[in-house]
Protein backbone atom coordinates (compact mmCIF):
# COMPACT_ATOMS: atom_id res chain seq x y z
CA UNK A 1 0.40 -0.14 -0.03
CA UNK A 2 1.40 3.45 -0.23
CA UNK A 3 -0.61 5.16 2.24
CA UNK A 4 1.60 6.61 4.59
CA UNK A 5 4.89 7.04 1.98
CA UNK A 6 5.54 10.77 1.94
CA UNK A 7 6.14 12.22 -1.69
CA UNK A 8 9.38 14.20 -2.39
CA UNK A 9 8.84 17.08 -3.84
CA UNK A 10 12.83 16.87 -4.92
CA UNK A 11 11.50 13.88 -6.90
CA UNK A 12 10.14 13.58 -10.53
CA UNK A 13 8.72 9.88 -11.85
CA UNK A 14 11.98 9.82 -13.88
CA UNK A 15 14.13 8.60 -10.67
CA UNK A 16 16.08 11.89 -10.78
CA UNK A 17 16.04 15.18 -8.28
CA UNK A 18 14.87 18.74 -9.57
CA UNK A 19 16.51 19.44 -5.44
CA UNK A 20 16.25 23.57 -4.19
CA UNK A 21 19.97 24.08 -2.63
CA UNK A 22 18.14 23.69 0.78
CA UNK A 23 17.35 19.93 -0.21
CA UNK A 24 20.47 19.49 -1.72
CA UNK A 25 22.61 20.44 1.28
CA UNK A 26 20.35 17.86 3.01
CA UNK A 27 21.42 15.05 0.59
CA UNK A 28 24.59 15.53 0.79
CA UNK A 29 24.92 15.58 4.58
CA UNK A 30 23.09 11.95 4.47
CA UNK A 31 25.59 11.10 1.96
CA UNK A 32 28.78 12.22 3.79
CA UNK A 33 27.48 10.23 7.29
CA UNK A 34 27.40 7.15 5.49
CA UNK A 35 30.55 7.63 3.01
CA UNK A 36 32.22 8.19 6.38
CA UNK A 37 30.75 5.17 8.17
CA UNK A 38 31.45 2.95 5.32
CA UNK A 39 35.15 4.50 4.52
CA UNK A 40 36.00 5.78 7.66
CA UNK A 41 37.11 9.06 6.42
CA UNK A 42 36.51 11.49 3.48
CA UNK A 43 38.96 13.95 0.64
CA UNK A 44 39.82 16.72 3.25
CA UNK A 45 38.93 19.37 0.28
CA UNK A 46 35.27 20.57 0.56
CA UNK A 47 35.19 20.68 -3.13
CA UNK A 48 36.80 17.33 -3.83
CA UNK A 49 34.13 15.54 -1.43
CA UNK A 50 31.32 17.98 -2.76
CA UNK A 51 32.02 16.55 -6.29
CA UNK A 52 32.17 12.82 -4.75
CA UNK A 53 29.02 12.97 -2.75
CA UNK A 54 27.00 14.28 -6.14
CA UNK A 55 28.61 11.78 -8.05
CA UNK A 56 27.60 8.78 -5.51
CA UNK A 57 24.03 10.34 -4.96
CA UNK A 58 23.05 11.08 -8.29
CA UNK A 59 22.09 14.31 -8.69
CA UNK A 60 23.92 16.91 -11.11
CA UNK A 61 23.61 20.38 -10.67
CA UNK A 62 21.66 19.95 -7.68
CA UNK A 63 24.14 22.77 -5.32
CA UNK A 64 22.77 25.18 -7.98
CA UNK A 65 19.07 23.51 -7.54
CA UNK A 66 18.76 22.08 -11.36
CA UNK A 67 17.90 18.54 -11.99
CA UNK A 68 19.43 16.96 -15.01
CA UNK A 69 18.88 13.10 -16.15
CA UNK A 70 21.65 10.76 -15.53
CA UNK A 71 22.39 7.84 -17.86
CA UNK A 72 22.17 5.74 -14.73
CA UNK A 73 18.55 6.25 -13.78
CA UNK A 74 17.07 3.71 -16.42
CA UNK A 75 13.55 4.37 -17.44
CA UNK A 76 10.90 3.50 -14.28
CA UNK A 77 9.83 0.81 -16.56
CA UNK A 78 13.63 -0.58 -16.35
CA UNK A 79 13.96 0.14 -13.06
CA UNK A 80 11.16 -2.29 -11.68
CA UNK A 81 12.43 -4.92 -13.91
CA UNK A 82 15.78 -4.54 -12.81
CA UNK A 83 14.56 -4.05 -8.79
CA UNK A 84 13.32 -7.54 -8.41
CA UNK A 85 16.48 -9.13 -9.57
CA UNK A 86 18.47 -6.45 -6.96
CA UNK A 87 15.90 -7.60 -4.32
CA UNK A 88 16.69 -11.06 -4.82
CA UNK A 89 20.67 -10.53 -5.00
CA UNK A 90 20.35 -8.69 -1.51
CA UNK A 91 18.12 -11.01 0.12
CA UNK A 92 20.38 -14.13 -0.53
CA UNK A 93 22.69 -12.96 2.16
CA UNK A 94 20.15 -10.95 4.19
CA UNK A 95 20.39 -13.79 6.82
CA UNK A 96 24.30 -12.53 7.69
CA UNK A 97 22.69 -9.59 9.00
CA UNK A 98 19.58 -10.79 10.70
CA UNK A 99 22.11 -13.31 13.17
CA UNK A 100 23.13 -9.82 14.41
CA UNK A 101 20.33 -7.68 14.89
CA UNK A 102 17.48 -10.20 14.91
CA UNK A 103 14.90 -7.29 16.11
CA UNK A 104 16.24 -4.57 13.57
CA UNK A 105 14.20 -5.10 10.59
CA UNK A 106 14.75 -1.86 7.99
CA UNK A 107 17.22 -4.40 5.80
CA UNK A 108 14.36 -6.92 5.47
CA UNK A 109 11.60 -4.08 4.99
CA UNK A 110 14.06 -2.04 2.15
CA UNK A 111 14.05 -5.21 0.35
CA UNK A 112 10.39 -6.14 0.34
CA UNK A 113 10.12 -2.34 -0.77
CA UNK A 114 12.07 -2.98 -3.35
CA UNK A 115 9.62 -5.85 -4.66
CA UNK A 116 6.95 -4.11 -3.85
CA UNK A 117 8.35 -1.04 -6.45
CA UNK A 118 8.91 -4.27 -8.79
CA UNK A 119 5.45 -5.06 -8.29
CA UNK A 120 4.28 -1.68 -9.25
CA UNK A 121 2.40 -1.47 -5.67
CA UNK A 122 4.49 1.70 -4.48
CA UNK A 123 5.47 4.69 -6.59
CA UNK A 124 8.83 6.26 -7.15
CA UNK A 125 9.00 9.32 -4.87
CA UNK A 126 7.78 7.63 -2.14
CA UNK A 127 10.51 4.70 -2.38
CA UNK A 128 13.38 7.80 -3.22
CA UNK A 129 12.50 9.61 0.06
CA UNK A 130 12.96 6.37 2.02
CA UNK A 131 16.37 5.00 0.25
CA UNK A 132 19.12 5.89 2.61
CA UNK A 133 16.72 3.51 5.66
CA UNK A 134 18.03 0.07 4.78
CA UNK A 135 21.35 0.94 4.53
CA UNK A 136 21.42 3.01 7.79
CA UNK A 137 21.01 -0.30 9.53
CA UNK A 138 24.89 -1.17 9.21
CA UNK A 139 24.87 1.01 12.31
CA UNK A 140 23.21 -1.68 14.28
CA UNK A 141 25.71 -4.28 13.46
CA UNK A 142 29.95 -4.75 13.67
CA UNK A 143 31.12 -7.66 11.66
CA UNK A 144 32.27 -6.40 7.71
CA UNK A 145 29.96 -9.52 6.30
CA UNK A 146 26.92 -8.25 7.87
CA UNK A 147 27.59 -4.38 7.37
CA UNK A 148 27.49 -5.00 3.49
CA UNK A 149 24.89 -7.44 3.69
CA UNK A 150 22.78 -4.14 5.29
CA UNK A 151 24.08 -2.10 2.44
CA UNK A 152 23.35 -4.44 -0.22
CA UNK A 153 19.68 -4.18 0.81
CA UNK A 154 20.04 0.14 1.12
CA UNK A 155 21.45 -0.76 -2.83
CA UNK A 156 18.17 -2.48 -3.50
CA UNK A 157 15.97 0.01 -2.28
CA UNK A 158 17.66 2.47 -4.13
CA UNK A 159 16.99 1.30 -7.77
CA UNK A 160 13.64 3.21 -7.77
CA UNK A 161 16.16 6.31 -7.75
CA UNK A 162 18.47 5.22 -9.69
CA UNK A 163 19.06 1.94 -11.67
CA UNK A 164 22.34 1.58 -11.52
CA UNK A 165 21.98 1.19 -7.77
CA UNK A 166 21.10 -2.91 -8.60
CA UNK A 167 24.46 -3.18 -9.77
CA UNK A 168 25.61 -1.91 -5.92
CA UNK A 169 22.98 -4.40 -4.63
CA UNK A 170 24.99 -7.21 -6.16
CA UNK A 171 28.45 -6.41 -5.74
CA UNK A 172 27.53 -5.59 -1.76
CA UNK A 173 25.98 -8.97 -1.70
CA UNK A 174 29.28 -10.64 -3.36
CA UNK A 175 31.33 -8.71 -0.86
CA UNK A 176 29.38 -9.83 2.01
CA UNK A 177 29.62 -13.44 0.92
CA UNK A 178 32.79 -13.68 0.60
CA UNK A 179 33.56 -11.30 3.90
CA UNK A 180 31.28 -14.46 5.47
CA UNK A 181 33.40 -17.33 4.02
CA UNK A 182 37.06 -15.77 4.04
CA UNK A 183 38.58 -19.45 3.78
CA UNK A 184 36.76 -19.85 0.26
CA UNK A 185 38.62 -18.06 -2.15
CA UNK A 186 35.61 -18.59 -5.00
CA UNK A 187 33.00 -17.22 -2.35
CA UNK A 188 32.50 -14.11 -4.33
CA UNK A 189 32.58 -15.64 -8.02
CA UNK A 190 30.13 -18.12 -6.92
CA UNK A 191 27.68 -15.79 -6.01
CA UNK A 192 28.03 -13.84 -8.93
CA UNK A 193 27.65 -16.47 -11.06
CA UNK A 194 24.00 -16.81 -8.94
CA UNK A 195 23.56 -13.05 -9.52
CA UNK A 196 23.78 -13.80 -13.71
CA UNK A 197 21.90 -16.62 -13.79
CA UNK A 198 19.05 -15.25 -12.25
CA UNK A 199 18.41 -12.07 -14.72
CA UNK A 200 16.05 -12.61 -17.23
CA UNK A 201 16.23 -11.49 -21.02
CA UNK A 202 14.69 -8.47 -19.92
CA UNK A 203 16.98 -7.71 -16.63
CA UNK A 204 19.96 -8.25 -18.69
CA UNK A 205 18.91 -5.71 -21.83
CA UNK A 206 17.93 -3.19 -18.91
CA UNK A 207 21.64 -3.45 -16.96
CA UNK A 208 23.27 -3.78 -20.31
CA UNK A 209 21.81 -0.63 -21.35
CA UNK A 210 24.04 1.04 -18.01
CA UNK A 211 26.95 2.82 -18.64
CA UNK A 212 30.04 1.15 -18.25
CA UNK A 213 31.60 1.21 -14.25
CA UNK A 214 33.86 4.65 -14.06
CA UNK A 215 32.83 6.01 -17.14
CA UNK A 216 30.01 8.17 -16.18
CA UNK A 217 30.09 10.16 -13.38
CA UNK A 218 26.62 10.83 -13.01
CA UNK A 219 25.76 8.39 -10.44
CA UNK A 220 26.72 5.81 -8.38
CA UNK A 221 29.35 3.88 -10.84
CA UNK A 222 31.15 6.75 -11.18
CA UNK A 223 34.66 7.21 -10.20
CA UNK A 224 33.14 6.96 -6.66
CA UNK A 225 32.15 4.20 -3.74
CA UNK A 226 30.84 1.06 -6.08
CA UNK A 227 33.83 1.79 -8.49
CA UNK A 228 36.84 0.72 -5.85
CA UNK A 229 38.23 -1.98 -3.90
CA UNK A 230 35.72 -5.24 -4.49
CA UNK A 231 32.69 -3.42 -5.03
CA UNK A 232 34.47 -2.02 -8.28
CA UNK A 233 36.14 -5.70 -9.66
CA UNK A 234 32.39 -7.26 -9.19
CA UNK A 235 30.68 -4.97 -11.25
CA UNK A 236 33.44 -5.45 -13.52
CA UNK A 237 32.62 -9.07 -13.76
CA UNK A 238 28.82 -8.43 -13.90
CA UNK A 239 28.88 -5.90 -16.57
CA UNK A 240 32.03 -7.84 -18.37
CA UNK A 241 28.88 -10.83 -18.34
CA UNK A 242 26.78 -8.81 -19.52
CA UNK A 243 28.36 -7.62 -22.61
CA UNK A 244 29.80 -11.18 -23.57
CA UNK A 245 26.33 -12.36 -23.34
CA UNK A 246 25.50 -10.08 -26.72
CA UNK A 247 24.66 -11.83 -29.94
């Protein structure tokens, strides 16, 4: 049901924002807190940080109150398609979070809302407003695997905002799996193979239309968080498989 879900006046049905400067500052503040939690540090130069945060948030021109379409958004119909796949990826590792925080339902709720968005029972603007909730549950756990599982759920919930977050959900899920099985060097690769096998032809086509990692700075696939370390490696494997599957 959509009742009780506030709409975001700074979001439109295409999944990107036409933000006022005040709302843009608030979005950057929230994203800064999330990146600090995950990485422990930020660029010392404020202009460098602002550029990074804008890339990560998928908002272009927001500090001037101007919203611009991103190649990483996807159409609403494609976002609904890939949201279900992203939810599947995140749900596979949800137990890692819930084993540490069984009473915290934020990641599970985020995954359920991603599925409801995929089914068409939740609207875009309401989900854009709530997209950070599931990921913030990472504060409730201590192990890296459980934190990664929470972030996977957060990325799945973020697909309503930008389709590129579907790849983020898959990458965090693979990272969570590897962190939970440190003695199995193939754990992440096995998880990625499972993820790819779950893609329908329509999901493959939608994900294939996203820019390659690091080639577009208008969203989470830019030269920021998802492009680094294990997350970047996992996304490159997935995107490589998508493009190899072309006829």
